[in-house]
């Protein structure tokens, strides 16, 4: 599972490549939660707000995308990830330090419930159609399902899981563990479970809900496995792929390759490579603006964000993004991207005009 303490940093060793996923060297004056998560930031499309975890202050920061005003909302201890339910008007925050989830009203920006879910919650994702919230836990073989309407909690024996993706139309949750080599699939209201092989050292996944295809980056083998129904296929990538994003309307898949500082562009229909684009040092996260056909790449080693033109498949800009950026959120159609930072005085940076 993904954890470290003090000033130590998470280090994966894959085929002799040392992958440092969190490179910030925080001082004693800059305490951190000891965890980072690619879901550390999220965009609320209903209220046009960005929510980003601030573990050093046991809070989340709320950014108004119109005025750029920032408000701090106190939550549980050491928040690590957020999930936005724009339909129900709720934001859910996994608090790794005290084993709770904070439910926040998206309009008033006030905590309306704090639910105990078990020790070390890590990733969080919500099915907006059913109102169910899925929470993974470090050091655990169980996944929590929280009923957003009633606050009821169910513990599922899913096996070890880190990342979560939700296919809302199919009412299916995908739970990915880094070490186990399998993907747990939780289906329907009855939470029926089954397993699919992904291969060990799988980290980073994205779902194309239009085609119901799940893409999982496999760092150990340097490729991506695409899962659709009972079928699977292997797609090419670069060295140490660690993040995936999808432009669903265009059926294009983007893969961040940490070790060779590039992004692979794949045709989602054929599975073939379209382009390999050099970006900044050690890319770790991706986000797609489908309206503008742009892709944003967080370069953790370079403290920057690279902007890719999805039409021409080339980099068009690189912008400073704060210290040790690790996740990002895009307001579709805008010229700004919001970046979660692991180091520095602020938990986020706003990039662009």
Protein backbone atom coordinates (compact mmCIF):
# COMPACT_ATOMS: atom_id res chain seq x y z
CA UNK A 1 0.00 0.00 0.00
CA UNK A 2 1.01 3.62 -0.41
CA UNK A 3 2.41 5.14 2.73
CA UNK A 4 5.49 6.64 4.33
CA UNK A 5 6.34 8.70 7.40
CA UNK A 6 8.50 11.65 8.43
CA UNK A 7 10.64 12.97 5.60
CA UNK A 8 10.83 9.63 3.85
CA UNK A 9 9.11 9.40 0.46
CA UNK A 10 7.32 6.65 -1.34
CA UNK A 11 9.67 4.75 -3.62
CA UNK A 12 8.63 2.13 -6.10
CA UNK A 13 11.32 -0.05 -7.67
CA UNK A 14 10.13 -1.35 -11.00
CA UNK A 15 12.46 -3.22 -13.35
CA UNK A 16 15.40 -1.47 -11.75
CA UNK A 17 13.82 1.98 -12.22
CA UNK A 18 13.42 3.97 -9.03
CA UNK A 19 10.11 5.79 -9.27
CA UNK A 20 9.81 8.60 -6.78
CA UNK A 21 6.13 9.49 -6.83
CA UNK A 22 6.39 12.20 -4.20
CA UNK A 23 9.47 14.33 -4.57
CA UNK A 24 8.78 17.20 -2.21
CA UNK A 25 11.38 17.62 0.50
CA UNK A 26 9.18 19.21 3.16
CA UNK A 27 10.88 20.88 6.09
CA UNK A 28 9.78 20.59 9.69
CA UNK A 29 7.88 23.85 9.20
CA UNK A 30 5.88 22.27 6.37
CA UNK A 31 4.15 19.22 7.87
CA UNK A 32 2.39 16.82 5.52
CA UNK A 33 -0.03 13.96 5.98
CA UNK A 34 2.45 11.39 4.70
CA UNK A 35 0.09 10.48 1.84
CA UNK A 36 -0.72 11.89 -1.57
CA UNK A 37 -3.49 10.78 -3.89
CA UNK A 38 -4.32 11.60 -7.53
CA UNK A 39 -7.82 12.45 -6.28
CA UNK A 40 -6.50 15.16 -3.98
CA UNK A 41 -8.34 17.82 -6.01
CA UNK A 42 -11.72 17.98 -7.74
CA UNK A 43 -14.00 20.34 -9.70
CA UNK A 44 -17.62 20.93 -8.69
CA UNK A 45 -19.37 21.69 -11.99
CA UNK A 46 -22.64 22.68 -10.31
CA UNK A 47 -21.16 25.45 -8.17
CA UNK A 48 -18.04 26.17 -10.26
CA UNK A 49 -15.73 25.55 -7.33
CA UNK A 50 -12.46 23.64 -7.00
CA UNK A 51 -11.86 21.60 -3.85
CA UNK A 52 -8.32 20.63 -2.83
CA UNK A 53 -7.07 18.83 0.27
CA UNK A 54 -4.81 20.71 2.67
CA UNK A 55 -3.55 17.98 5.01
CA UNK A 56 -1.15 20.22 6.90
CA UNK A 57 -4.12 22.26 8.15
CA UNK A 58 -6.69 19.44 8.43
CA UNK A 59 -8.79 21.31 5.90
CA UNK A 60 -9.87 21.59 2.31
CA UNK A 61 -9.42 24.78 0.32
CA UNK A 62 -12.36 25.91 -1.82
CA UNK A 63 -11.52 28.07 -4.83
CA UNK A 64 -14.20 30.13 -6.55
CA UNK A 65 -13.32 29.81 -10.24
CA UNK A 66 -15.03 33.13 -11.08
CA UNK A 67 -13.51 35.40 -8.43
CA UNK A 68 -10.54 33.20 -7.43
CA UNK A 69 -11.49 33.79 -3.80
CA UNK A 70 -10.35 31.00 -1.48
CA UNK A 71 -12.13 29.66 1.58
CA UNK A 72 -10.78 27.12 4.06
CA UNK A 73 -13.15 24.46 5.40
CA UNK A 74 -12.05 22.44 8.43
CA UNK A 75 -12.52 18.68 8.04
CA UNK A 76 -11.02 15.62 9.74
CA UNK A 77 -7.38 14.90 10.32
CA UNK A 78 -5.01 14.68 7.34
CA UNK A 79 -7.45 14.76 4.40
CA UNK A 80 -6.04 12.91 1.40
CA UNK A 81 -8.70 12.75 -1.34
CA UNK A 82 -11.98 14.31 -2.47
CA UNK A 83 -14.99 13.21 -4.51
CA UNK A 84 -17.60 15.58 -5.92
CA UNK A 85 -21.28 14.68 -6.32
CA UNK A 86 -22.53 17.64 -8.35
CA UNK A 87 -25.98 16.03 -8.63
CA UNK A 88 -26.63 15.79 -4.88
CA UNK A 89 -24.59 18.90 -4.11
CA UNK A 90 -22.15 17.07 -1.84
CA UNK A 91 -18.38 16.95 -1.59
CA UNK A 92 -16.86 14.00 0.23
CA UNK A 93 -13.41 14.10 1.83
CA UNK A 94 -11.44 11.06 3.00
CA UNK A 95 -9.54 11.92 6.20
CA UNK A 96 -6.65 9.49 6.50
CA UNK A 97 -5.60 10.60 9.97
CA UNK A 98 -8.81 9.87 11.90
CA UNK A 99 -10.67 7.27 9.82
CA UNK A 100 -13.57 9.49 8.78
CA UNK A 101 -15.27 10.92 5.73
CA UNK A 102 -16.49 14.52 5.83
CA UNK A 103 -19.63 15.30 3.83
CA UNK A 104 -19.83 18.96 2.80
CA UNK A 105 -22.71 20.92 1.32
CA UNK A 106 -21.52 22.34 -2.00
CA UNK A 107 -23.52 25.57 -1.67
CA UNK A 108 -22.97 26.55 1.97
CA UNK A 109 -19.51 24.93 2.03
CA UNK A 110 -20.20 23.60 5.51
CA UNK A 111 -19.61 20.10 6.86
CA UNK A 112 -23.02 18.47 7.25
CA UNK A 113 -21.85 15.03 8.44
CA UNK A 114 -18.74 13.24 9.63
CA UNK A 115 -18.90 9.47 9.21
CA UNK A 116 -16.52 6.93 10.73
CA UNK A 117 -15.44 4.53 7.97
CA UNK A 118 -12.45 2.70 9.46
CA UNK A 119 -8.75 3.34 9.75
CA UNK A 120 -6.64 4.93 7.03
CA UNK A 121 -9.13 5.87 4.30
CA UNK A 122 -7.22 6.63 1.10
CA UNK A 123 -9.17 6.96 -2.16
CA UNK A 124 -12.77 8.10 -2.45
CA UNK A 125 -15.20 8.06 -5.39
CA UNK A 126 -18.95 8.61 -5.73
CA UNK A 127 -21.59 7.14 -8.02
CA UNK A 128 -23.81 10.16 -8.65
CA UNK A 129 -26.67 7.99 -9.91
CA UNK A 130 -26.94 5.87 -6.77
CA UNK A 131 -25.40 8.23 -4.20
CA UNK A 132 -23.01 5.51 -3.03
CA UNK A 133 -19.53 6.58 -1.97
CA UNK A 134 -16.67 4.07 -2.18
CA UNK A 135 -13.64 4.43 0.10
CA UNK A 136 -10.43 2.39 -0.04
CA UNK A 137 -8.13 1.94 2.96
CA UNK A 138 -4.41 1.47 3.33
CA UNK A 139 -3.39 -1.60 5.36
CA UNK A 140 -6.80 -3.19 4.81
CA UNK A 141 -8.50 -5.81 2.66
CA UNK A 142 -11.87 -4.07 2.94
CA UNK A 143 -13.55 -1.26 1.05
CA UNK A 144 -16.17 0.97 2.65
CA UNK A 145 -19.43 1.83 0.88
CA UNK A 146 -21.16 4.88 2.33
CA UNK A 147 -24.81 5.61 1.52
CA UNK A 148 -24.81 9.32 0.78
CA UNK A 149 -28.50 9.68 1.62
CA UNK A 150 -28.66 7.81 4.93
CA UNK A 151 -25.06 7.80 6.11
CA UNK A 152 -25.15 4.02 6.40
CA UNK A 153 -21.83 2.19 6.13
CA UNK A 154 -21.14 -1.21 4.58
CA UNK A 155 -17.75 -2.93 4.65
CA UNK A 156 -16.98 -5.10 1.62
CA UNK A 157 -14.27 -7.82 1.68
CA UNK A 158 -12.75 -6.69 -1.61
CA UNK A 159 -9.12 -7.40 -0.94
CA UNK A 160 -6.45 -4.72 -0.92
CA UNK A 161 -7.36 -1.68 -3.02
CA UNK A 162 -5.81 1.71 -3.66
CA UNK A 163 -7.46 3.52 -6.57
CA UNK A 164 -11.17 3.61 -7.47
CA UNK A 165 -13.04 4.28 -10.72
CA UNK A 166 -16.82 4.33 -11.13
CA UNK A 167 -18.86 3.44 -14.23
CA UNK A 168 -22.09 5.17 -13.23
CA UNK A 169 -24.22 3.94 -16.14
CA UNK A 170 -23.26 0.33 -15.43
CA UNK A 171 -23.42 0.81 -11.63
CA UNK A 172 -19.95 -0.72 -11.37
CA UNK A 173 -16.96 0.19 -9.22
CA UNK A 174 -13.39 -0.78 -10.13
CA UNK A 175 -10.89 -1.18 -7.28
CA UNK A 176 -7.23 -1.35 -8.19
CA UNK A 177 -4.45 -2.51 -5.87
CA UNK A 178 -0.81 -1.80 -6.71
CA UNK A 179 0.73 -5.03 -5.48
CA UNK A 180 -2.00 -7.65 -5.85
CA UNK A 181 -2.08 -8.05 -9.61
CA UNK A 182 -5.88 -8.12 -9.73
CA UNK A 183 -8.72 -5.68 -10.20
CA UNK A 184 -11.82 -6.08 -8.02
CA UNK A 185 -15.09 -5.29 -9.80
CA UNK A 186 -18.12 -4.46 -7.63
CA UNK A 187 -21.41 -4.61 -9.52
CA UNK A 188 -24.98 -3.51 -8.88
CA UNK A 189 -26.99 -2.74 -5.78
CA UNK A 190 -26.07 -6.12 -4.29
CA UNK A 191 -22.32 -5.40 -4.58
CA UNK A 192 -21.52 -8.66 -6.36
CA UNK A 193 -17.75 -9.01 -6.67
CA UNK A 194 -15.44 -10.60 -9.21
CA UNK A 195 -11.76 -10.33 -10.11
CA UNK A 196 -9.84 -9.52 -13.29
CA UNK A 197 -6.11 -9.96 -13.75
CA UNK A 198 -4.17 -6.75 -14.39
CA UNK A 199 -0.62 -7.73 -13.53
CA UNK A 200 1.37 -6.47 -10.57
CA UNK A 201 2.60 -2.92 -10.15
CA UNK A 202 -0.49 -1.42 -11.76
CA UNK A 203 -0.90 2.23 -10.90
CA UNK A 204 -3.07 4.77 -12.61
CA UNK A 205 -6.38 4.05 -14.33
CA UNK A 206 -9.09 5.87 -16.25
CA UNK A 207 -12.51 4.89 -17.51
CA UNK A 208 -14.10 5.80 -20.81
CA UNK A 209 -17.76 5.70 -19.80
CA UNK A 210 -18.86 6.07 -23.42
CA UNK A 211 -17.27 2.74 -24.37
CA UNK A 212 -17.22 1.20 -20.85
CA UNK A 213 -13.49 0.56 -21.28
CA UNK A 214 -11.12 0.72 -18.32
CA UNK A 215 -7.46 1.55 -18.94
CA UNK A 216 -4.88 0.52 -16.32
CA UNK A 217 -1.23 1.62 -16.44
CA UNK A 218 1.24 -1.15 -15.63
CA UNK A 219 4.53 0.30 -14.44
CA UNK A 220 6.31 -3.04 -14.25
CA UNK A 221 5.73 -3.97 -17.90
CA UNK A 222 5.65 -0.50 -19.44
CA UNK A 223 2.23 -0.79 -21.05
CA UNK A 224 -1.50 -0.33 -20.51
CA UNK A 225 -4.13 -3.03 -20.21
CA UNK A 226 -7.56 -2.15 -21.63
CA UNK A 227 -10.50 -4.03 -20.10
CA UNK A 228 -13.95 -4.07 -21.69
CA UNK A 229 -16.50 -6.64 -20.63
CA UNK A 230 -14.71 -9.98 -20.59
CA UNK A 231 -12.12 -8.93 -23.16
CA UNK A 232 -8.70 -7.36 -22.61
CA UNK A 233 -5.90 -6.04 -24.76
CA UNK A 234 -2.41 -4.69 -24.18
CA UNK A 235 -1.62 -1.19 -25.42
CA UNK A 236 1.85 0.37 -25.80
CA UNK A 237 3.22 3.02 -23.47
CA UNK A 238 6.58 4.47 -22.45
CA UNK A 239 8.86 3.82 -19.51
CA UNK A 240 7.09 3.47 -16.15
CA UNK A 241 3.55 4.58 -17.06
CA UNK A 242 1.84 5.86 -13.92
CA UNK A 243 -1.27 7.85 -14.93
CA UNK A 244 -4.01 7.63 -17.55
CA UNK A 245 -6.65 10.06 -18.84
CA UNK A 246 -9.29 9.76 -21.54
CA UNK A 247 -10.85 12.19 -24.00
CA UNK A 248 -14.13 10.29 -24.29
CA UNK A 249 -15.79 12.15 -27.20
CA UNK A 250 -12.69 11.62 -29.35
CA UNK A 251 -11.87 8.19 -27.91
CA UNK A 252 -8.24 9.09 -27.27
CA UNK A 253 -6.18 7.78 -24.35
CA UNK A 254 -3.26 9.64 -22.76
CA UNK A 255 -0.60 7.92 -20.63
CA UNK A 256 1.97 9.71 -18.47
CA UNK A 257 5.35 7.94 -18.58
CA UNK A 258 7.26 8.87 -15.45
CA UNK A 259 10.71 7.52 -16.27
CA UNK A 260 11.14 8.92 -19.78
CA UNK A 261 9.23 12.18 -19.21
CA UNK A 262 6.74 11.69 -22.02
CA UNK A 263 3.05 11.21 -22.73
CA UNK A 264 1.84 8.40 -24.98
CA UNK A 265 -1.20 9.15 -27.15
CA UNK A 266 -3.28 6.08 -28.03
CA UNK A 267 -6.23 5.54 -30.35
CA UNK A 268 -8.95 4.12 -28.11
CA UNK A 269 -10.64 2.24 -30.94
CA UNK A 270 -7.59 0.52 -32.41
CA UNK A 271 -5.32 0.55 -29.35
CA UNK A 272 -2.45 1.80 -31.49
CA UNK A 273 0.06 4.49 -30.63
CA UNK A 274 -0.65 7.83 -32.29
CA UNK A 275 2.18 9.90 -30.85
CA UNK A 276 4.73 10.18 -28.07
CA UNK A 277 5.08 13.73 -26.75
CA UNK A 278 8.02 14.92 -24.63
CA UNK A 279 6.88 16.84 -21.54
CA UNK A 280 8.49 18.04 -18.31
CA UNK A 281 10.46 16.03 -15.79
CA UNK A 282 8.65 13.04 -14.26
CA UNK A 283 5.01 13.49 -15.30
CA UNK A 284 2.66 12.05 -12.69
CA UNK A 285 -0.91 13.20 -13.42
CA UNK A 286 -3.13 14.14 -16.36
CA UNK A 287 -6.39 16.00 -16.95
CA UNK A 288 -8.33 16.54 -20.18
CA UNK A 289 -10.35 19.59 -21.20
CA UNK A 290 -12.67 17.96 -23.73
CA UNK A 291 -14.24 21.29 -24.76
CA UNK A 292 -10.92 22.81 -25.83
CA UNK A 293 -9.25 19.51 -26.76
CA UNK A 294 -6.34 20.23 -24.46
CA UNK A 295 -4.47 17.92 -22.10
CA UNK A 296 -2.72 19.12 -18.95
CA UNK A 297 0.27 17.19 -17.58
CA UNK A 298 1.65 17.58 -14.07
CA UNK A 299 5.45 17.31 -14.09
CA UNK A 300 6.27 16.51 -10.48
CA UNK A 301 10.04 16.59 -10.94
CA UNK A 302 9.90 19.87 -12.87
CA UNK A 303 7.37 21.69 -10.66
CA UNK A 304 5.42 22.51 -13.80
CA UNK A 305 2.40 21.80 -15.98
CA UNK A 306 2.71 21.06 -19.69
CA UNK A 307 -0.22 21.84 -22.00
CA UNK A 308 -0.78 19.50 -24.96
CA UNK A 309 -2.76 20.34 -28.08
CA UNK A 310 -4.98 17.30 -28.65
CA UNK A 311 -5.51 18.11 -32.32
CA UNK A 312 -1.85 18.42 -33.27
CA UNK A 313 -0.45 16.09 -30.57
CA UNK A 314 2.27 18.42 -29.41
CA UNK A 315 3.18 20.51 -26.38
CA UNK A 316 2.16 24.16 -26.69
CA UNK A 317 3.11 25.56 -23.28
CA UNK A 318 4.84 24.75 -19.99
CA UNK A 319 3.87 26.71 -16.89
CA UNK A 320 5.19 26.94 -13.32
CA UNK A 321 2.93 25.01 -10.94
CA UNK A 322 4.26 25.31 -7.41
CA UNK A 323 6.32 22.85 -5.39
CA UNK A 324 5.92 19.12 -6.01
CA UNK A 325 2.62 19.16 -7.93
CA UNK A 326 0.88 15.78 -7.91
CA UNK A 327 -2.74 16.18 -9.08
CA UNK A 328 -4.85 18.64 -11.03
CA UNK A 329 -8.37 19.68 -11.93
CA UNK A 330 -9.63 21.47 -15.02
CA UNK A 331 -12.60 23.78 -15.40
CA UNK A 332 -13.80 22.75 -18.87
CA UNK A 333 -13.62 25.50 -21.46
CA UNK A 334 -11.59 27.84 -19.25
CA UNK A 335 -7.97 28.91 -19.53
CA UNK A 336 -7.09 27.89 -15.97
CA UNK A 337 -5.95 24.65 -14.38
CA UNK A 338 -5.81 24.03 -10.64
CA UNK A 339 -2.91 22.03 -9.25
CA UNK A 340 -2.52 20.26 -5.90
CA UNK A 341 0.98 20.67 -4.45
CA UNK A 342 2.62 18.41 -1.89
CA UNK A 343 5.24 20.96 -0.86
CA UNK A 344 5.39 24.69 -0.28
CA UNK A 345 3.27 27.06 1.75
CA UNK A 346 0.04 26.60 -0.22
CA UNK A 347 -1.74 23.34 -0.99
CA UNK A 348 -2.50 24.43 -4.53
CA UNK A 349 -1.51 26.64 -7.45
CA UNK A 350 -3.61 28.24 -10.16
CA UNK A 351 -2.02 27.98 -13.58
CA UNK A 352 -3.04 30.03 -16.62
CA UNK A 353 -4.97 33.24 -17.03
